[in-house]
C-alpha atoms as a PDB file:
ATOM      1  CA  MET A   1      10.788  28.201 -34.960  1.00  0.00           C
ATOM      2  CA  THR A   2      12.982  27.028 -32.088  1.00  0.00           C
ATOM      3  CA  VAL A   3      11.807  23.869 -30.308  1.00  0.00           C
ATOM      4  CA  THR A   4      12.458  23.702 -26.574  1.00  0.00           C
ATOM      5  CA  TYR A   5      12.846  20.394 -24.743  1.00  0.00           C
ATOM      6  CA  LEU A   6      12.513  20.517 -20.956  1.00  0.00           C
ATOM      7  CA  ILE A   7      14.634  18.235 -18.814  1.00  0.00           C
ATOM      8  CA  ASP A   8      13.117  18.097 -15.335  1.00  0.00           C
ATOM      9  CA  GLY A   9      16.187  17.761 -13.150  1.00  0.00           C
ATOM     10  CA  SER A  10      14.092  16.987 -10.090  1.00  0.00           C
ATOM     11  CA  ARG A  11      13.188  13.649 -11.715  1.00  0.00           C
ATOM     12  CA  VAL A  12      16.810  12.685 -12.367  1.00  0.00           C
ATOM     13  CA  THR A  13      17.842  10.467  -9.468  1.00  0.00           C
ATOM     14  CA  GLY A  14      20.355   8.390 -11.422  1.00  0.00           C
ATOM     15  CA  LEU A  15      21.540   7.806 -14.957  1.00  0.00           C
ATOM     16  CA  GLU A  16      18.689   5.424 -15.800  1.00  0.00           C
ATOM     17  CA  GLN A  17      16.164   8.114 -14.875  1.00  0.00           C
ATOM     18  CA  PHE A  18      18.031  10.671 -16.984  1.00  0.00           C
ATOM     19  CA  TRP A  19      17.558   8.451 -20.055  1.00  0.00           C
ATOM     20  CA  GLU A  20      13.829   8.252 -19.313  1.00  0.00           C
ATOM     21  CA  VAL A  21      13.493  12.007 -18.740  1.00  0.00           C
ATOM     22  CA  ILE A  22      15.337  13.062 -21.886  1.00  0.00           C
ATOM     23  CA  GLY A  23      13.562  10.417 -23.978  1.00  0.00           C
ATOM     24  CA  GLU A  24      10.173  11.704 -22.815  1.00  0.00           C
ATOM     25  CA  ALA A  25      11.224  15.327 -23.325  1.00  0.00           C
ATOM     26  CA  VAL A  26      12.092  14.725 -26.967  1.00  0.00           C
ATOM     27  CA  ASN A  27       9.806  11.890 -28.039  1.00  0.00           C
ATOM     28  CA  GLY A  28       6.973  11.704 -25.500  1.00  0.00           C
ATOM     29  CA  PRO A  29       6.126   8.990 -22.947  1.00  0.00           C
ATOM     30  CA  GLY A  30       8.329   5.947 -23.359  1.00  0.00           C
ATOM     31  CA  GLY A  31      10.464   7.871 -25.860  1.00  0.00           C
ATOM     32  CA  TYR A  32      14.057   7.010 -26.669  1.00  0.00           C
ATOM     33  CA  PHE A  33      16.924   9.470 -26.915  1.00  0.00           C
ATOM     34  CA  GLY A  34      19.925   7.336 -26.133  1.00  0.00           C
ATOM     35  CA  ARG A  35      20.745   4.930 -23.326  1.00  0.00           C
ATOM     36  CA  ASN A  36      24.488   5.534 -23.178  1.00  0.00           C
ATOM     37  CA  LEU A  37      26.806   8.468 -23.842  1.00  0.00           C
ATOM     38  CA  ASP A  38      27.645   7.432 -27.412  1.00  0.00           C
ATOM     39  CA  ALA A  39      23.978   6.913 -28.295  1.00  0.00           C
ATOM     40  CA  LEU A  40      23.102  10.321 -26.857  1.00  0.00           C
ATOM     41  CA  ALA A  41      25.731  11.969 -29.051  1.00  0.00           C
ATOM     42  CA  ASP A  42      24.362  10.106 -32.083  1.00  0.00           C
ATOM     43  CA  CYS A  43      20.778  11.142 -31.280  1.00  0.00           C
ATOM     44  CA  LEU A  44      21.820  14.785 -31.010  1.00  0.00           C
ATOM     45  CA  ARG A  45      23.227  14.694 -34.520  1.00  0.00           C
ATOM     46  CA  GLY A  46      19.751  14.190 -35.960  1.00  0.00           C
ATOM     47  CA  GLY A  47      16.997  11.874 -36.985  1.00  0.00           C
ATOM     48  CA  MET A  48      15.893  10.881 -33.487  1.00  0.00           C
ATOM     49  CA  GLY A  49      13.157  13.429 -32.813  1.00  0.00           C
ATOM     50  CA  THR A  50      14.978  16.748 -32.872  1.00  0.00           C
ATOM     51  CA  PRO A  51      14.359  19.146 -35.775  1.00  0.00           C
ATOM     52  CA  ASP A  52      16.468  18.484 -38.848  1.00  0.00           C
ATOM     53  CA  ASP A  53      17.474  22.140 -39.006  1.00  0.00           C
ATOM     54  CA  GLY A  54      19.073  21.942 -35.551  1.00  0.00           C
ATOM     55  CA  ASP A  55      16.896  24.739 -34.200  1.00  0.00           C
ATOM     56  CA  PHE A  56      16.300  23.369 -30.713  1.00  0.00           C
ATOM     57  CA  VAL A  57      17.152  24.054 -27.093  1.00  0.00           C
ATOM     58  CA  PHE A  58      17.430  21.787 -24.088  1.00  0.00           C
ATOM     59  CA  GLU A  59      16.433  23.546 -20.872  1.00  0.00           C
ATOM     60  CA  TRP A  60      17.688  21.496 -17.944  1.00  0.00           C
ATOM     61  CA  ARG A  61      15.655  22.787 -15.033  1.00  0.00           C
ATOM     62  CA  ASP A  62      16.759  22.071 -11.472  1.00  0.00           C
ATOM     63  CA  HIS A  63      20.076  20.993 -12.938  1.00  0.00           C
ATOM     64  CA  ALA A  64      21.766  21.352  -9.541  1.00  0.00           C
ATOM     65  CA  LEU A  65      19.632  18.458  -8.269  1.00  0.00           C
ATOM     66  CA  SER A  66      20.718  16.395 -11.258  1.00  0.00           C
ATOM     67  CA  ALA A  67      24.355  17.357 -10.703  1.00  0.00           C
ATOM     68  CA  ARG A  68      24.179  15.919  -7.183  1.00  0.00           C
ATOM     69  CA  ALA A  69      22.347  12.773  -8.310  1.00  0.00           C
ATOM     70  CA  LEU A  70      24.796  12.246 -11.175  1.00  0.00           C
ATOM     71  CA  GLY A  71      27.909  13.062  -9.141  1.00  0.00           C
ATOM     72  CA  HIS A  72      30.889  10.932  -8.215  1.00  0.00           C
ATOM     73  CA  GLU A  73      28.830   8.274  -6.405  1.00  0.00           C
ATOM     74  CA  GLU A  74      26.659   7.631  -9.474  1.00  0.00           C
ATOM     75  CA  THR A  75      29.735   7.833 -11.683  1.00  0.00           C
ATOM     76  CA  ALA A  76      31.391   5.115  -9.592  1.00  0.00           C
ATOM     77  CA  ARG A  77      28.234   2.986  -9.783  1.00  0.00           C
ATOM     78  CA  GLN A  78      28.196   3.262 -13.571  1.00  0.00           C
ATOM     79  CA  LEU A  79      31.918   2.509 -13.829  1.00  0.00           C
ATOM     80  CA  ARG A  80      31.460  -0.623 -11.689  1.00  0.00           C
ATOM     81  CA  ARG A  81      28.750  -1.785 -14.092  1.00  0.00           C
ATOM     82  CA  SER A  82      30.987  -1.064 -17.086  1.00  0.00           C
ATOM     83  CA  LEU A  83      33.886  -2.899 -15.481  1.00  0.00           C
ATOM     84  CA  GLU A  84      31.775  -6.068 -15.236  1.00  0.00           C
ATOM     85  CA  ARG A  85      31.205  -6.069 -19.008  1.00  0.00           C
ATOM     86  CA  ALA A  86      34.490  -4.569 -20.171  1.00  0.00           C
ATOM     87  CA  HIS A  87      36.913  -6.242 -22.478  1.00  0.00           C
ATOM     88  CA  PRO A  88      40.021  -7.279 -20.518  1.00  0.00           C
ATOM     89  CA  SER A  89      42.114  -4.734 -22.402  1.00  0.00           C
ATOM     90  CA  ASN A  90      39.920  -1.900 -21.055  1.00  0.00           C
ATOM     91  CA  ARG A  91      39.684  -2.978 -17.432  1.00  0.00           C
ATOM     92  CA  ALA A  92      42.797  -1.234 -16.122  1.00  0.00           C
ATOM     93  CA  ALA A  93      41.680   2.144 -17.481  1.00  0.00           C
ATOM     94  CA  LEU A  94      38.181   1.654 -16.069  1.00  0.00           C
ATOM     95  CA  ARG A  95      39.624   0.710 -12.670  1.00  0.00           C
ATOM     96  CA  ARG A  96      41.688   3.920 -12.640  1.00  0.00           C
ATOM     97  CA  ARG A  97      38.581   5.965 -13.481  1.00  0.00           C
ATOM     98  CA  LEU A  98      36.625   4.119 -10.797  1.00  0.00           C
ATOM     99  CA  ASP A  99      39.328   4.827  -8.206  1.00  0.00           C
ATOM    100  CA  GLU A 100      39.222   8.511  -9.155  1.00  0.00           C
ATOM    101  CA  ALA A 101      35.427   8.642  -8.846  1.00  0.00           C
ATOM    102  CA  LEU A 102      35.535   6.885  -5.465  1.00  0.00           C
ATOM    103  CA  ALA A 103      38.017   9.543  -4.325  1.00  0.00           C
ATOM    104  CA  GLY A 104      35.652  12.301  -5.510  1.00  0.00           C
ATOM    105  CA  ARG A 105      37.830  13.267  -8.447  1.00  0.00           C
ATOM    106  CA  GLY A 106      37.498  13.197 -12.200  1.00  0.00           C
ATOM    107  CA  PRO A 107      34.552  13.981 -14.446  1.00  0.00           C
ATOM    108  CA  THR A 108      31.110  13.014 -13.208  1.00  0.00           C
ATOM    109  CA  VAL A 109      28.317  11.525 -15.268  1.00  0.00           C
ATOM    110  CA  PHE A 110      26.574  14.911 -15.049  1.00  0.00           C
ATOM    111  CA  GLU A 111      29.622  16.709 -16.449  1.00  0.00           C
ATOM    112  CA  GLN A 112      29.904  14.169 -19.268  1.00  0.00           C
ATOM    113  CA  LEU A 113      26.233  14.611 -20.193  1.00  0.00           C
ATOM    114  CA  VAL A 114      26.547  18.407 -20.175  1.00  0.00           C
ATOM    115  CA  GLU A 115      29.625  18.225 -22.401  1.00  0.00           C
ATOM    116  CA  ILE A 116      27.823  16.007 -24.910  1.00  0.00           C
ATOM    117  CA  LEU A 117      24.681  18.167 -24.914  1.00  0.00           C
ATOM    118  CA  ARG A 118      26.798  21.299 -25.468  1.00  0.00           C
ATOM    119  CA  ASN A 119      29.260  19.961 -28.010  1.00  0.00           C
ATOM    120  CA  ASP A 120      27.828  17.056 -30.006  1.00  0.00           C
ATOM    121  CA  GLY A 121      24.692  18.503 -31.500  1.00  0.00           C
ATOM    122  CA  PRO A 122      23.551  21.643 -33.243  1.00  0.00           C
ATOM    123  CA  GLY A 123      21.160  22.585 -30.418  1.00  0.00           C
ATOM    124  CA  VAL A 124      21.711  24.685 -27.336  1.00  0.00           C
ATOM    125  CA  LEU A 125      21.813  23.701 -23.666  1.00  0.00           C
ATOM    126  CA  ARG A 126      20.554  26.016 -20.928  1.00  0.00           C
ATOM    127  CA  LEU A 127      21.173  25.013 -17.337  1.00  0.00           C
ATOM    128  CA  LEU A 128      18.451  26.527 -15.160  1.00  0.00           C
END
């Protein structure tokens, strides 16, 4: 039987809220389902609340609201945070990505999340 997890896009006002919303959708209040893009991909591969047989669907309702909240401005905010902690060898690449985000170009956090949800797990993503 297919399990459906609902992501309430109206609650996603930034990346931190996305982590809360998806964690609650999969594992209930206070639930964890990743707190960065790599962890999300790992969680999708199993053992973190989704069915072992991969028979699940994420329905991201009001995804257009999330797309705006997780657009280039939020992407730039996240890249600034990453730049503060980055190893010196990674800073130039992060600065280039930050410049692109500030100019309204390049992949957004929303687009990165959608790509991971579509490609890194056995489940299905429906944008509603």
